[in-house]
């Protein structure tokens, strides 16, 4: 089996002294694992930054055996943020979620489109809020849709109208921007509250039922914002 494609580098791990095993989310073939021989060389090492967009040639002798990639850089995206620890942590977190939550070798145009969109909004000033929306869109693309406006009531709390979850067991205040997408906020505390709430949903609805563990990179990203 031989094919060419383009995709985003999700992960890399050393295979032996000179080679790496990588996972790439490709446009036509979904998430695919393969060996890159000589992946630790100076030339290829510079290309193989998590989040970079690559042109790949894949070769496998059997569907049941791991194949190998030949790669060329298509677009160097991560190096643009080497001096911005927050955005770099966000890139790693996003790629880790896609790696964790997607099935092998299944084309998913929605998720590929989300990856393209990710590198569009991360350049902007309001990128944190858009990343939270991005995570929710990722969950929706995987079949886990959540509409906060159906899960909240409006209540007056401390002389301020706020959204409160309808849960009988746990009353949580829901940040306005999760219910009203036209709501602008740059308040870091509010955004961190949104990230935590979405993380709780991820944990309870997606990860725990599937015996998965939340990527450490997501916690590191949140800590980088504090």
N, C-alpha and C. Protein backbone atom coordinates (compact mmCIF):
# COMPACT_ATOMS: atom_id res chain seq x y z
N UNK A 1 0.85 -1.19 0.00
CA UNK A 1 0.00 0.00 0.00
C UNK A 1 0.89 1.24 0.00
N UNK A 2 0.71 2.06 -1.03
CA UNK A 2 1.51 3.28 -1.16
C UNK A 2 0.57 4.44 -1.49
N UNK A 3 0.73 5.54 -0.77
CA UNK A 3 -0.07 6.72 -1.08
C UNK A 3 0.66 8.00 -0.65
N UNK A 4 0.23 9.12 -1.23
CA UNK A 4 0.72 10.44 -0.88
C UNK A 4 -0.42 11.25 -0.26
N UNK A 5 -0.09 12.13 0.67
CA UNK A 5 -1.11 12.93 1.33
C UNK A 5 -0.43 14.10 2.03
N UNK A 6 -1.23 14.98 2.62
CA UNK A 6 -0.71 16.03 3.48
C UNK A 6 -1.39 15.90 4.84
N UNK A 7 -0.70 16.33 5.89
CA UNK A 7 -1.31 16.20 7.21
C UNK A 7 -0.51 16.91 8.28
N UNK A 8 -1.07 16.88 9.48
CA UNK A 8 -0.49 17.57 10.63
C UNK A 8 0.15 16.56 11.57
N UNK A 9 1.35 16.88 12.02
CA UNK A 9 2.07 15.99 12.92
C UNK A 9 1.47 16.06 14.32
N UNK A 10 0.95 14.92 14.81
CA UNK A 10 0.30 14.87 16.11
C UNK A 10 1.25 14.45 17.22
N UNK A 11 2.15 13.52 16.92
CA UNK A 11 3.05 13.01 17.97
C UNK A 11 4.29 12.40 17.33
N UNK A 12 5.32 12.26 18.14
CA UNK A 12 6.55 11.59 17.69
C UNK A 12 7.20 10.93 18.89
N UNK A 13 7.74 9.74 18.66
CA UNK A 13 8.44 9.00 19.71
C UNK A 13 9.63 8.28 19.10
N UNK A 14 10.71 8.24 19.84
CA UNK A 14 11.92 7.59 19.33
C UNK A 14 11.66 6.10 19.13
N UNK A 15 12.07 5.58 17.98
CA UNK A 15 11.93 4.17 17.65
C UNK A 15 13.24 3.43 17.88
N UNK A 16 14.30 4.00 17.41
CA UNK A 16 15.64 3.50 17.71
C UNK A 16 16.58 4.70 17.66
N UNK A 17 17.85 4.47 17.58
CA UNK A 17 18.81 5.57 17.65
C UNK A 17 18.59 6.61 16.55
N UNK A 18 18.16 6.17 15.38
CA UNK A 18 18.06 7.10 14.25
C UNK A 18 16.64 7.35 13.74
N UNK A 19 15.65 6.63 14.26
CA UNK A 19 14.31 6.68 13.68
C UNK A 19 13.25 7.06 14.71
N UNK A 20 12.10 7.48 14.19
CA UNK A 20 10.97 7.88 15.03
C UNK A 20 9.71 7.17 14.56
N UNK A 21 8.80 6.93 15.50
CA UNK A 21 7.43 6.55 15.15
C UNK A 21 6.57 7.80 15.34
N UNK A 22 5.85 8.17 14.30
CA UNK A 22 5.03 9.39 14.36
C UNK A 22 3.58 9.06 14.06
N UNK A 23 2.71 9.96 14.48
CA UNK A 23 1.30 9.91 14.09
C UNK A 23 0.96 11.21 13.38
N UNK A 24 0.34 11.09 12.23
CA UNK A 24 0.00 12.24 11.40
C UNK A 24 -1.48 12.17 11.05
N UNK A 25 -2.19 13.29 11.23
CA UNK A 25 -3.60 13.32 10.81
C UNK A 25 -3.64 13.86 9.40
N UNK A 26 -3.96 12.98 8.46
CA UNK A 26 -3.90 13.32 7.04
C UNK A 26 -5.27 13.70 6.49
N UNK A 27 -5.24 14.37 5.37
CA UNK A 27 -6.47 14.86 4.75
C UNK A 27 -7.35 13.72 4.23
N UNK A 28 -6.75 12.72 3.61
CA UNK A 28 -7.52 11.67 2.94
C UNK A 28 -7.55 10.34 3.69
N UNK A 29 -6.64 10.15 4.65
CA UNK A 29 -6.52 8.85 5.30
C UNK A 29 -6.69 8.90 6.82
N UNK A 30 -7.00 10.08 7.35
CA UNK A 30 -7.18 10.19 8.79
C UNK A 30 -5.88 10.07 9.55
N UNK A 31 -5.97 9.57 10.76
CA UNK A 31 -4.78 9.43 11.62
C UNK A 31 -4.02 8.16 11.25
N UNK A 32 -2.75 8.32 10.95
CA UNK A 32 -1.93 7.19 10.51
C UNK A 32 -0.60 7.22 11.26
N UNK A 33 -0.18 6.03 11.72
CA UNK A 33 1.12 5.87 12.38
C UNK A 33 2.13 5.31 11.39
N UNK A 34 3.38 5.68 11.56
CA UNK A 34 4.42 5.15 10.69
C UNK A 34 5.80 5.49 11.21
N UNK A 35 6.77 4.81 10.67
CA UNK A 35 8.17 5.03 11.04
C UNK A 35 8.80 6.03 10.09
N UNK A 36 9.58 6.94 10.62
CA UNK A 36 10.40 7.81 9.78
C UNK A 36 11.85 7.43 10.02
N UNK A 37 12.45 6.75 9.07
CA UNK A 37 13.85 6.37 9.18
C UNK A 37 14.72 7.63 9.06
N UNK A 38 15.67 7.77 9.95
CA UNK A 38 16.51 8.95 9.96
C UNK A 38 15.80 10.18 10.52
N UNK A 39 14.71 9.94 11.25
CA UNK A 39 13.91 11.04 11.78
C UNK A 39 14.63 11.89 12.82
N UNK A 40 15.71 11.37 13.37
CA UNK A 40 16.46 12.14 14.37
C UNK A 40 17.59 12.96 13.73
N UNK A 41 17.73 12.88 12.41
CA UNK A 41 18.78 13.65 11.74
C UNK A 41 18.47 15.14 11.86
N UNK A 42 19.49 15.96 11.72
CA UNK A 42 19.32 17.40 11.91
C UNK A 42 18.30 17.97 10.94
N UNK A 43 18.34 17.54 9.69
CA UNK A 43 17.43 18.07 8.68
C UNK A 43 15.98 17.73 8.99
N UNK A 44 15.70 16.44 9.21
CA UNK A 44 14.32 16.02 9.46
C UNK A 44 13.83 16.47 10.83
N UNK A 45 14.72 16.53 11.79
CA UNK A 45 14.34 16.94 13.14
C UNK A 45 13.73 18.33 13.14
N UNK A 46 14.26 19.21 12.30
CA UNK A 46 13.73 20.57 12.22
C UNK A 46 12.32 20.60 11.64
N UNK A 47 12.02 19.64 10.75
CA UNK A 47 10.69 19.56 10.17
C UNK A 47 9.66 19.01 11.16
N UNK A 48 10.13 18.10 12.01
CA UNK A 48 9.22 17.30 12.82
C UNK A 48 8.88 17.97 14.15
N UNK A 49 8.28 19.14 14.05
CA UNK A 49 7.76 19.84 15.22
C UNK A 49 6.25 19.57 15.29
N UNK A 50 5.77 19.23 16.49
CA UNK A 50 4.35 18.94 16.66
C UNK A 50 3.50 20.08 16.11
N UNK A 51 2.55 19.76 15.24
CA UNK A 51 1.68 20.76 14.63
C UNK A 51 2.08 21.16 13.23
N UNK A 52 3.32 20.87 12.83
CA UNK A 52 3.74 21.22 11.47
C UNK A 52 2.92 20.46 10.43
N UNK A 53 2.70 21.10 9.30
CA UNK A 53 1.97 20.48 8.20
C UNK A 53 2.99 19.87 7.24
N UNK A 54 2.79 18.60 6.93
CA UNK A 54 3.78 17.84 6.18
C UNK A 54 3.19 17.24 4.91
N UNK A 55 4.02 17.14 3.90
CA UNK A 55 3.70 16.30 2.75
C UNK A 55 4.27 14.92 3.05
N UNK A 56 3.43 13.87 2.93
CA UNK A 56 3.89 12.54 3.31
C UNK A 56 3.70 11.54 2.17
N UNK A 57 4.66 10.65 2.05
CA UNK A 57 4.56 9.47 1.20
C UNK A 57 4.58 8.27 2.14
N UNK A 58 3.52 7.46 2.09
CA UNK A 58 3.38 6.32 3.01
C UNK A 58 3.53 5.02 2.25
N UNK A 59 4.26 4.09 2.84
CA UNK A 59 4.50 2.79 2.21
C UNK A 59 4.36 1.71 3.28
N UNK A 60 3.49 0.74 3.01
CA UNK A 60 3.30 -0.37 3.95
C UNK A 60 3.14 -1.67 3.16
N UNK A 61 3.83 -2.71 3.60
CA UNK A 61 3.75 -3.99 2.91
C UNK A 61 2.46 -4.73 3.22
N UNK A 62 1.88 -4.42 4.39
CA UNK A 62 0.66 -5.11 4.81
C UNK A 62 -0.16 -4.18 5.69
N UNK A 63 -1.51 -4.25 5.57
CA UNK A 63 -2.37 -3.43 6.42
C UNK A 63 -2.19 -3.72 7.91
N UNK A 64 -1.66 -4.90 8.23
CA UNK A 64 -1.49 -5.31 9.63
C UNK A 64 -0.12 -4.95 10.20
N UNK A 65 0.72 -4.36 9.36
CA UNK A 65 2.05 -3.98 9.83
C UNK A 65 2.25 -2.48 9.69
N UNK A 66 2.99 -1.92 10.62
CA UNK A 66 3.24 -0.49 10.56
C UNK A 66 4.09 -0.17 9.34
N UNK A 67 3.73 0.90 8.66
CA UNK A 67 4.46 1.30 7.47
C UNK A 67 5.49 2.37 7.79
N UNK A 68 5.98 3.00 6.75
CA UNK A 68 6.95 4.06 6.99
C UNK A 68 6.64 5.27 6.11
N UNK A 69 7.04 6.43 6.62
CA UNK A 69 6.81 7.69 5.93
C UNK A 69 8.10 8.22 5.34
N UNK A 70 7.96 8.85 4.18
CA UNK A 70 8.95 9.80 3.69
C UNK A 70 8.25 11.16 3.75
N UNK A 71 8.92 12.15 4.31
CA UNK A 71 8.22 13.41 4.54
C UNK A 71 8.99 14.61 3.97
N UNK A 72 8.22 15.62 3.64
CA UNK A 72 8.77 16.93 3.28
C UNK A 72 7.94 17.98 4.00
N UNK A 73 8.54 19.09 4.35
CA UNK A 73 7.79 20.13 5.02
C UNK A 73 6.82 20.79 4.03
N UNK A 74 5.58 20.92 4.43
CA UNK A 74 4.57 21.60 3.63
C UNK A 74 4.35 23.02 4.15
N UNK A 75 4.29 23.13 5.49
CA UNK A 75 4.12 24.43 6.13
C UNK A 75 4.65 24.35 7.55
N UNK A 76 5.65 25.15 7.85
CA UNK A 76 6.23 25.18 9.21
C UNK A 76 5.38 26.11 10.07
N UNK A 77 4.51 25.52 10.89
CA UNK A 77 3.55 26.30 11.67
C UNK A 77 3.99 26.51 13.12
N UNK A 78 4.44 25.45 13.77
CA UNK A 78 4.82 25.56 15.18
C UNK A 78 5.99 26.51 15.43
N UNK A 79 7.02 26.53 14.58
CA UNK A 79 8.15 27.43 14.84
C UNK A 79 7.76 28.90 14.93
N UNK A 80 6.61 29.28 14.40
CA UNK A 80 6.15 30.66 14.50
C UNK A 80 5.89 31.07 15.95
N UNK A 81 5.74 30.06 16.82
CA UNK A 81 5.37 30.33 18.20
C UNK A 81 6.41 29.84 19.21
N UNK A 82 7.62 29.60 18.75
CA UNK A 82 8.67 29.15 19.66
C UNK A 82 8.95 30.16 20.78
N UNK A 83 8.65 31.43 20.54
CA UNK A 83 8.87 32.46 21.56
C UNK A 83 7.59 32.77 22.35
N UNK A 84 6.55 31.99 22.14
CA UNK A 84 5.28 32.21 22.82
C UNK A 84 4.86 30.90 23.49
N UNK A 85 5.24 30.74 24.75
CA UNK A 85 5.01 29.48 25.45
C UNK A 85 3.53 29.13 25.54
N UNK A 86 2.66 30.13 25.69
CA UNK A 86 1.23 29.85 25.83
C UNK A 86 0.66 29.26 24.55
N UNK A 87 0.99 29.86 23.42
CA UNK A 87 0.45 29.36 22.15
C UNK A 87 1.10 28.03 21.77
N UNK A 88 2.37 27.87 22.08
CA UNK A 88 3.03 26.61 21.78
C UNK A 88 2.42 25.48 22.60
N UNK A 89 2.12 25.76 23.88
CA UNK A 89 1.46 24.77 24.73
C UNK A 89 0.07 24.44 24.20
N UNK A 90 -0.61 25.44 23.66
CA UNK A 90 -1.94 25.22 23.09
C UNK A 90 -1.87 24.31 21.88
N UNK A 91 -0.87 24.51 21.03
CA UNK A 91 -0.70 23.65 19.86
C UNK A 91 -0.51 22.20 20.28
N UNK A 92 0.36 21.98 21.25
CA UNK A 92 0.64 20.62 21.71
C UNK A 92 -0.61 20.00 22.33
N UNK A 93 -1.37 20.80 23.09
CA UNK A 93 -2.61 20.31 23.70
C UNK A 93 -3.61 19.90 22.63
N UNK A 94 -3.79 20.75 21.62
CA UNK A 94 -4.76 20.46 20.56
C UNK A 94 -4.39 19.19 19.79
N UNK A 95 -3.10 19.06 19.44
CA UNK A 95 -2.67 17.87 18.70
C UNK A 95 -2.82 16.60 19.55
N UNK A 96 -2.59 16.73 20.86
CA UNK A 96 -2.73 15.58 21.76
C UNK A 96 -4.18 15.12 21.84
N UNK A 97 -5.11 16.08 21.86
CA UNK A 97 -6.53 15.71 21.90
C UNK A 97 -6.95 14.98 20.62
N UNK A 98 -6.51 15.48 19.48
CA UNK A 98 -6.84 14.82 18.21
C UNK A 98 -6.24 13.41 18.18
N UNK A 99 -5.03 13.29 18.64
CA UNK A 99 -4.36 11.98 18.70
C UNK A 99 -5.15 11.00 19.57
N UNK A 100 -5.57 11.49 20.74
CA UNK A 100 -6.24 10.63 21.71
C UNK A 100 -7.64 10.22 21.27
N UNK A 101 -8.37 11.14 20.67
CA UNK A 101 -9.80 10.93 20.46
C UNK A 101 -10.19 10.38 19.10
N UNK A 102 -9.25 10.31 18.16
CA UNK A 102 -9.60 9.85 16.81
C UNK A 102 -9.17 8.41 16.58
N UNK A 103 -9.90 7.74 15.71
CA UNK A 103 -9.59 6.36 15.36
C UNK A 103 -8.53 6.32 14.27
N UNK A 104 -7.81 5.22 14.17
CA UNK A 104 -6.77 5.06 13.16
C UNK A 104 -7.39 4.85 11.77
N UNK A 105 -6.74 5.45 10.79
CA UNK A 105 -7.03 5.18 9.37
C UNK A 105 -8.48 5.41 8.99
N UNK A 106 -9.10 6.44 9.58
CA UNK A 106 -10.47 6.79 9.21
C UNK A 106 -10.51 8.25 8.79
N UNK A 107 -10.77 8.48 7.51
CA UNK A 107 -10.85 9.86 7.01
C UNK A 107 -11.94 10.61 7.76
N UNK A 108 -11.62 11.83 8.18
CA UNK A 108 -12.62 12.68 8.82
C UNK A 108 -12.38 14.11 8.36
N UNK A 109 -13.17 14.53 7.37
CA UNK A 109 -12.96 15.86 6.79
C UNK A 109 -13.23 16.97 7.80
N UNK A 110 -14.16 16.72 8.72
CA UNK A 110 -14.50 17.74 9.72
C UNK A 110 -13.32 18.01 10.64
N UNK A 111 -12.67 16.96 11.08
CA UNK A 111 -11.54 17.14 11.99
C UNK A 111 -10.35 17.74 11.26
N UNK A 112 -10.13 17.33 10.03
CA UNK A 112 -9.04 17.94 9.25
C UNK A 112 -9.30 19.42 9.06
N UNK A 113 -10.54 19.78 8.80
CA UNK A 113 -10.91 21.19 8.64
C UNK A 113 -10.70 21.95 9.95
N UNK A 114 -10.99 21.31 11.07
CA UNK A 114 -10.77 21.94 12.37
C UNK A 114 -9.28 22.21 12.61
N UNK A 115 -8.44 21.30 12.18
CA UNK A 115 -7.00 21.50 12.33
C UNK A 115 -6.54 22.70 11.49
N UNK A 116 -7.08 22.82 10.29
CA UNK A 116 -6.74 23.97 9.46
C UNK A 116 -7.22 25.26 10.11
N UNK A 117 -8.42 25.23 10.66
CA UNK A 117 -8.99 26.41 11.31
C UNK A 117 -8.21 26.80 12.56
N UNK A 118 -7.69 25.80 13.27
CA UNK A 118 -6.93 26.05 14.49
C UNK A 118 -5.76 27.00 14.21
N UNK A 119 -5.04 26.74 13.15
CA UNK A 119 -3.86 27.56 12.85
C UNK A 119 -4.23 28.90 12.22
N UNK A 120 -5.50 29.10 11.96
CA UNK A 120 -5.97 30.41 11.51
C UNK A 120 -6.26 31.31 12.71
N UNK A 121 -7.01 30.79 13.69
CA UNK A 121 -7.41 31.66 14.81
C UNK A 121 -6.32 31.85 15.85
N UNK A 122 -5.35 30.93 15.92
CA UNK A 122 -4.34 31.06 16.96
C UNK A 122 -3.45 32.29 16.73
N UNK A 123 -3.50 32.84 15.53
CA UNK A 123 -2.72 34.05 15.23
C UNK A 123 -3.36 35.30 15.82
N UNK A 124 -4.64 35.20 16.20
CA UNK A 124 -5.40 36.38 16.60
C UNK A 124 -5.30 36.66 18.10
N UNK A 125 -5.80 37.84 18.49
CA UNK A 125 -5.73 38.24 19.90
C UNK A 125 -6.68 37.45 20.78
N UNK A 126 -7.84 37.09 20.27
CA UNK A 126 -8.84 36.39 21.08
C UNK A 126 -8.74 34.88 20.93
N UNK A 127 -7.54 34.37 20.80
CA UNK A 127 -7.32 32.97 20.48
C UNK A 127 -7.74 32.02 21.60
N UNK A 128 -7.66 32.44 22.85
CA UNK A 128 -7.99 31.52 23.95
C UNK A 128 -9.48 31.18 23.90
N UNK A 129 -10.33 32.19 23.74
CA UNK A 129 -11.77 31.93 23.64
C UNK A 129 -12.07 31.05 22.43
N UNK A 130 -11.42 31.35 21.31
CA UNK A 130 -11.66 30.53 20.11
C UNK A 130 -11.15 29.11 20.27
N UNK A 131 -10.10 28.92 21.07
CA UNK A 131 -9.63 27.55 21.31
C UNK A 131 -10.66 26.77 22.11
N UNK A 132 -11.31 27.42 23.07
CA UNK A 132 -12.35 26.73 23.84
C UNK A 132 -13.49 26.31 22.92
N UNK A 133 -13.90 27.22 22.03
CA UNK A 133 -14.92 26.87 21.04
C UNK A 133 -14.42 25.72 20.15
N UNK A 134 -13.13 25.75 19.82
CA UNK A 134 -12.54 24.72 18.96
C UNK A 134 -12.64 23.34 19.61
N UNK A 135 -12.35 23.27 20.91
CA UNK A 135 -12.47 21.98 21.60
C UNK A 135 -13.91 21.46 21.53
N UNK A 136 -14.88 22.35 21.73
CA UNK A 136 -16.28 21.93 21.68
C UNK A 136 -16.65 21.45 20.28
N UNK A 137 -16.14 22.12 19.25
CA UNK A 137 -16.40 21.68 17.87
C UNK A 137 -15.75 20.32 17.60
N UNK A 138 -14.57 20.09 18.19
CA UNK A 138 -13.92 18.79 18.05
C UNK A 138 -14.78 17.69 18.65
N UNK A 139 -15.31 17.95 19.84
CA UNK A 139 -16.17 16.96 20.48
C UNK A 139 -17.42 16.69 19.64
N UNK A 140 -17.98 17.76 19.07
CA UNK A 140 -19.16 17.60 18.21
C UNK A 140 -18.85 16.75 16.99
N UNK A 141 -17.69 16.98 16.38
CA UNK A 141 -17.27 16.20 15.21
C UNK A 141 -17.11 14.73 15.54
N UNK A 142 -16.87 14.44 16.82
CA UNK A 142 -16.70 13.05 17.26
C UNK A 142 -18.00 12.45 17.79
N UNK A 143 -19.08 13.25 17.72
CA UNK A 143 -20.39 12.74 18.14
C UNK A 143 -20.80 13.12 19.55
N UNK A 144 -20.08 14.04 20.17
CA UNK A 144 -20.40 14.47 21.53
C UNK A 144 -20.75 15.95 21.52
N UNK A 145 -22.00 16.23 21.22
CA UNK A 145 -22.44 17.61 21.08
C UNK A 145 -22.95 18.14 22.41
N UNK A 146 -22.62 19.37 22.74
CA UNK A 146 -23.13 20.00 23.95
C UNK A 146 -23.59 21.41 23.62
N UNK A 147 -24.83 21.70 23.96
CA UNK A 147 -25.40 23.03 23.75
C UNK A 147 -25.68 23.63 25.12
N UNK A 148 -24.82 24.52 25.56
CA UNK A 148 -24.94 25.06 26.91
C UNK A 148 -26.24 25.82 27.12
N UNK A 149 -26.78 26.44 26.06
CA UNK A 149 -28.02 27.21 26.22
C UNK A 149 -29.21 26.33 26.60
N UNK A 150 -29.10 25.01 26.37
CA UNK A 150 -30.17 24.08 26.77
C UNK A 150 -29.96 23.54 28.18
N UNK A 151 -28.84 23.87 28.78
CA UNK A 151 -28.47 23.27 30.08
C UNK A 151 -28.43 24.28 31.21
N UNK A 152 -28.85 25.52 30.94
CA UNK A 152 -28.70 26.56 31.95
C UNK A 152 -30.01 27.31 32.19
N UNK A 153 -30.09 27.93 33.35
CA UNK A 153 -31.13 28.88 33.68
C UNK A 153 -30.45 30.22 33.98
N UNK A 154 -31.17 31.30 33.75
CA UNK A 154 -30.66 32.63 34.10
C UNK A 154 -31.12 32.98 35.51
N UNK A 155 -30.17 33.38 36.37
CA UNK A 155 -30.51 33.74 37.74
C UNK A 155 -29.73 34.98 38.16
N UNK A 156 -30.33 35.73 39.06
CA UNK A 156 -29.65 36.90 39.61
C UNK A 156 -28.79 36.46 40.78
N UNK A 157 -27.48 36.64 40.64
CA UNK A 157 -26.54 36.26 41.70
C UNK A 157 -25.62 37.44 41.97
N UNK A 158 -25.60 37.88 43.25
CA UNK A 158 -24.78 39.04 43.63
C UNK A 158 -25.06 40.25 42.73
N UNK A 159 -26.34 40.48 42.51
CA UNK A 159 -26.79 41.63 41.72
C UNK A 159 -26.34 41.57 40.26
N UNK A 160 -26.07 40.37 39.80
CA UNK A 160 -25.64 40.20 38.42
C UNK A 160 -26.37 39.02 37.80
N UNK A 161 -26.91 39.20 36.60
CA UNK A 161 -27.59 38.11 35.92
C UNK A 161 -26.56 37.14 35.38
N UNK A 162 -26.67 35.86 35.81
CA UNK A 162 -25.69 34.86 35.40
C UNK A 162 -26.39 33.58 34.96
N UNK A 163 -25.64 32.78 34.17
CA UNK A 163 -26.14 31.48 33.74
C UNK A 163 -25.72 30.42 34.76
N UNK A 164 -26.70 29.60 35.17
CA UNK A 164 -26.43 28.55 36.16
C UNK A 164 -26.92 27.22 35.60
N UNK A 165 -26.13 26.17 35.76
CA UNK A 165 -26.49 24.86 35.23
C UNK A 165 -27.77 24.35 35.87
N UNK A 166 -28.55 23.59 35.10
CA UNK A 166 -29.81 23.04 35.59
C UNK A 166 -29.62 21.76 36.40
N UNK A 167 -28.39 21.31 36.56
CA UNK A 167 -28.11 20.06 37.27
C UNK A 167 -28.72 20.07 38.66
N UNK A 168 -29.32 18.94 39.04
CA UNK A 168 -29.94 18.82 40.36
C UNK A 168 -28.90 18.58 41.45
N UNK A 169 -27.76 18.05 41.04
CA UNK A 169 -26.73 17.68 42.04
C UNK A 169 -25.64 18.73 42.20
N UNK A 170 -25.36 19.49 41.14
CA UNK A 170 -24.25 20.44 41.19
C UNK A 170 -24.59 21.70 40.41
N UNK A 171 -24.77 22.80 41.12
CA UNK A 171 -25.09 24.07 40.49
C UNK A 171 -23.81 24.82 40.15
N UNK A 172 -23.52 24.92 38.87
CA UNK A 172 -22.31 25.61 38.43
C UNK A 172 -22.68 26.88 37.67
N UNK A 173 -21.88 27.93 37.89
CA UNK A 173 -22.04 29.14 37.10
C UNK A 173 -21.32 28.95 35.78
N UNK A 174 -22.04 29.14 34.68
CA UNK A 174 -21.49 28.93 33.35
C UNK A 174 -21.07 30.27 32.76
N UNK A 175 -19.81 30.41 32.34
CA UNK A 175 -19.37 31.68 31.73
C UNK A 175 -20.28 32.09 30.58
N UNK A 176 -20.60 33.37 30.53
CA UNK A 176 -21.54 33.88 29.53
C UNK A 176 -21.15 33.50 28.11
N UNK A 177 -19.86 33.54 27.79
CA UNK A 177 -19.44 33.34 26.39
C UNK A 177 -19.68 31.93 25.89
N UNK A 178 -19.88 30.96 26.83
CA UNK A 178 -20.20 29.60 26.40
C UNK A 178 -21.66 29.46 25.99
N UNK A 179 -22.50 30.35 26.47
CA UNK A 179 -23.92 30.32 26.14
C UNK A 179 -24.21 31.29 25.00
N UNK A 180 -23.67 32.48 25.11
CA UNK A 180 -23.86 33.53 24.11
C UNK A 180 -22.57 33.70 23.32
N UNK A 181 -22.53 33.14 22.12
CA UNK A 181 -21.29 33.15 21.32
C UNK A 181 -20.90 34.56 20.86
N UNK A 182 -21.83 35.50 20.97
CA UNK A 182 -21.52 36.88 20.59
C UNK A 182 -20.90 37.67 21.73
N UNK A 183 -20.82 37.03 22.89
CA UNK A 183 -20.27 37.68 24.07
C UNK A 183 -18.75 37.74 23.97
N UNK A 184 -18.20 38.94 24.05
CA UNK A 184 -16.75 39.09 24.01
C UNK A 184 -16.19 39.13 25.43
N UNK A 185 -15.12 38.40 25.65
CA UNK A 185 -14.46 38.44 26.95
C UNK A 185 -12.97 38.25 26.77
N UNK A 186 -12.21 39.03 27.47
CA UNK A 186 -10.76 38.87 27.49
C UNK A 186 -10.29 38.63 28.93
N UNK A 187 -11.26 38.48 29.84
CA UNK A 187 -10.92 38.25 31.25
C UNK A 187 -10.35 36.85 31.42
N UNK A 188 -9.11 36.76 31.86
CA UNK A 188 -8.43 35.47 31.94
C UNK A 188 -9.11 34.53 32.92
N UNK A 189 -9.59 35.05 34.04
CA UNK A 189 -10.26 34.20 35.03
C UNK A 189 -11.50 33.55 34.43
N UNK A 190 -12.24 34.32 33.66
CA UNK A 190 -13.45 33.80 32.99
C UNK A 190 -13.08 32.73 31.97
N UNK A 191 -12.03 32.99 31.20
CA UNK A 191 -11.60 32.03 30.18
C UNK A 191 -11.09 30.74 30.82
N UNK A 192 -10.37 30.86 31.92
CA UNK A 192 -9.89 29.67 32.63
C UNK A 192 -11.06 28.87 33.18
N UNK A 193 -12.11 29.59 33.64
CA UNK A 193 -13.31 28.90 34.09
C UNK A 193 -13.96 28.12 32.97
N UNK A 194 -13.96 28.71 31.76
CA UNK A 194 -14.50 28.01 30.59
C UNK A 194 -13.69 26.78 30.24
N UNK A 195 -12.38 26.90 30.30
CA UNK A 195 -11.51 25.74 30.01
C UNK A 195 -11.75 24.62 31.01
N UNK A 196 -11.91 24.97 32.27
CA UNK A 196 -12.15 23.96 33.31
C UNK A 196 -13.49 23.27 33.08
N UNK A 197 -14.51 24.06 32.76
CA UNK A 197 -15.84 23.49 32.53
C UNK A 197 -15.84 22.53 31.34
N UNK A 198 -15.20 22.94 30.25
CA UNK A 198 -15.11 22.08 29.08
C UNK A 198 -14.28 20.84 29.39
N UNK A 199 -13.22 21.01 30.22
CA UNK A 199 -12.42 19.86 30.64
C UNK A 199 -13.21 18.88 31.47
N UNK A 200 -14.10 19.38 32.33
CA UNK A 200 -14.97 18.51 33.14
C UNK A 200 -15.90 17.71 32.24
N UNK A 201 -16.44 18.39 31.21
CA UNK A 201 -17.32 17.70 30.26
C UNK A 201 -16.54 16.62 29.51
N UNK A 202 -15.34 16.97 29.06
CA UNK A 202 -14.48 16.00 28.37
C UNK A 202 -14.24 14.78 29.24
N UNK A 203 -13.92 15.03 30.51
CA UNK A 203 -13.58 13.95 31.44
C UNK A 203 -14.78 13.03 31.67
N UNK A 204 -15.93 13.62 32.00
CA UNK A 204 -17.09 12.83 32.41
C UNK A 204 -17.81 12.17 31.25
N UNK A 205 -17.86 12.86 30.11
CA UNK A 205 -18.68 12.37 29.00
C UNK A 205 -17.91 11.54 27.99
N UNK A 206 -16.63 11.85 27.79
CA UNK A 206 -15.88 11.19 26.72
C UNK A 206 -14.78 10.27 27.26
N UNK A 207 -13.94 10.81 28.13
CA UNK A 207 -12.77 10.04 28.54
C UNK A 207 -13.10 8.89 29.47
N UNK A 208 -13.76 9.20 30.58
CA UNK A 208 -14.02 8.17 31.59
C UNK A 208 -14.81 6.99 31.04
N UNK A 209 -15.89 7.22 30.27
CA UNK A 209 -16.63 6.07 29.72
C UNK A 209 -15.81 5.22 28.75
N UNK A 210 -14.75 5.79 28.17
CA UNK A 210 -13.92 5.05 27.22
C UNK A 210 -12.56 4.66 27.81
N UNK A 211 -12.44 4.77 29.14
CA UNK A 211 -11.20 4.40 29.84
C UNK A 211 -9.98 5.13 29.29
N UNK A 212 -10.16 6.42 29.05
CA UNK A 212 -9.07 7.26 28.55
C UNK A 212 -8.69 8.27 29.62
N UNK A 213 -7.48 8.78 29.52
CA UNK A 213 -6.96 9.75 30.48
C UNK A 213 -6.69 11.06 29.76
N UNK A 214 -7.08 12.16 30.39
CA UNK A 214 -6.89 13.48 29.79
C UNK A 214 -5.39 13.74 29.58
N UNK A 215 -5.01 14.22 28.41
CA UNK A 215 -3.58 14.44 28.13
C UNK A 215 -2.96 15.43 29.11
N UNK A 216 -1.77 15.11 29.59
CA UNK A 216 -1.06 16.02 30.49
C UNK A 216 -0.80 17.35 29.82
N UNK A 217 -0.70 17.34 28.48
CA UNK A 217 -0.42 18.58 27.75
C UNK A 217 -1.55 19.59 27.90
N UNK A 218 -2.78 19.12 28.14
CA UNK A 218 -3.89 20.07 28.34
C UNK A 218 -3.74 20.77 29.69
N UNK A 219 -3.34 20.01 30.72
CA UNK A 219 -3.10 20.62 32.03
C UNK A 219 -1.94 21.62 31.96
N UNK A 220 -0.90 21.25 31.22
CA UNK A 220 0.26 22.14 31.09
C UNK A 220 -0.13 23.42 30.37
N UNK A 221 -0.99 23.30 29.36
CA UNK A 221 -1.47 24.48 28.65
C UNK A 221 -2.22 25.42 29.60
N UNK A 222 -3.15 24.85 30.37
CA UNK A 222 -3.93 25.67 31.31
C UNK A 222 -3.00 26.34 32.33
N UNK A 223 -2.02 25.59 32.82
CA UNK A 223 -1.08 26.17 33.80
C UNK A 223 -0.24 27.28 33.19
N UNK A 224 0.02 27.19 31.87
CA UNK A 224 0.83 28.24 31.22
C UNK A 224 0.08 29.56 31.16
N UNK A 225 -1.24 29.51 31.29
CA UNK A 225 -2.05 30.73 31.22
C UNK A 225 -2.15 31.45 32.56
N UNK A 226 -1.86 30.74 33.63
CA UNK A 226 -2.08 31.29 34.98
C UNK A 226 -0.97 32.28 35.35
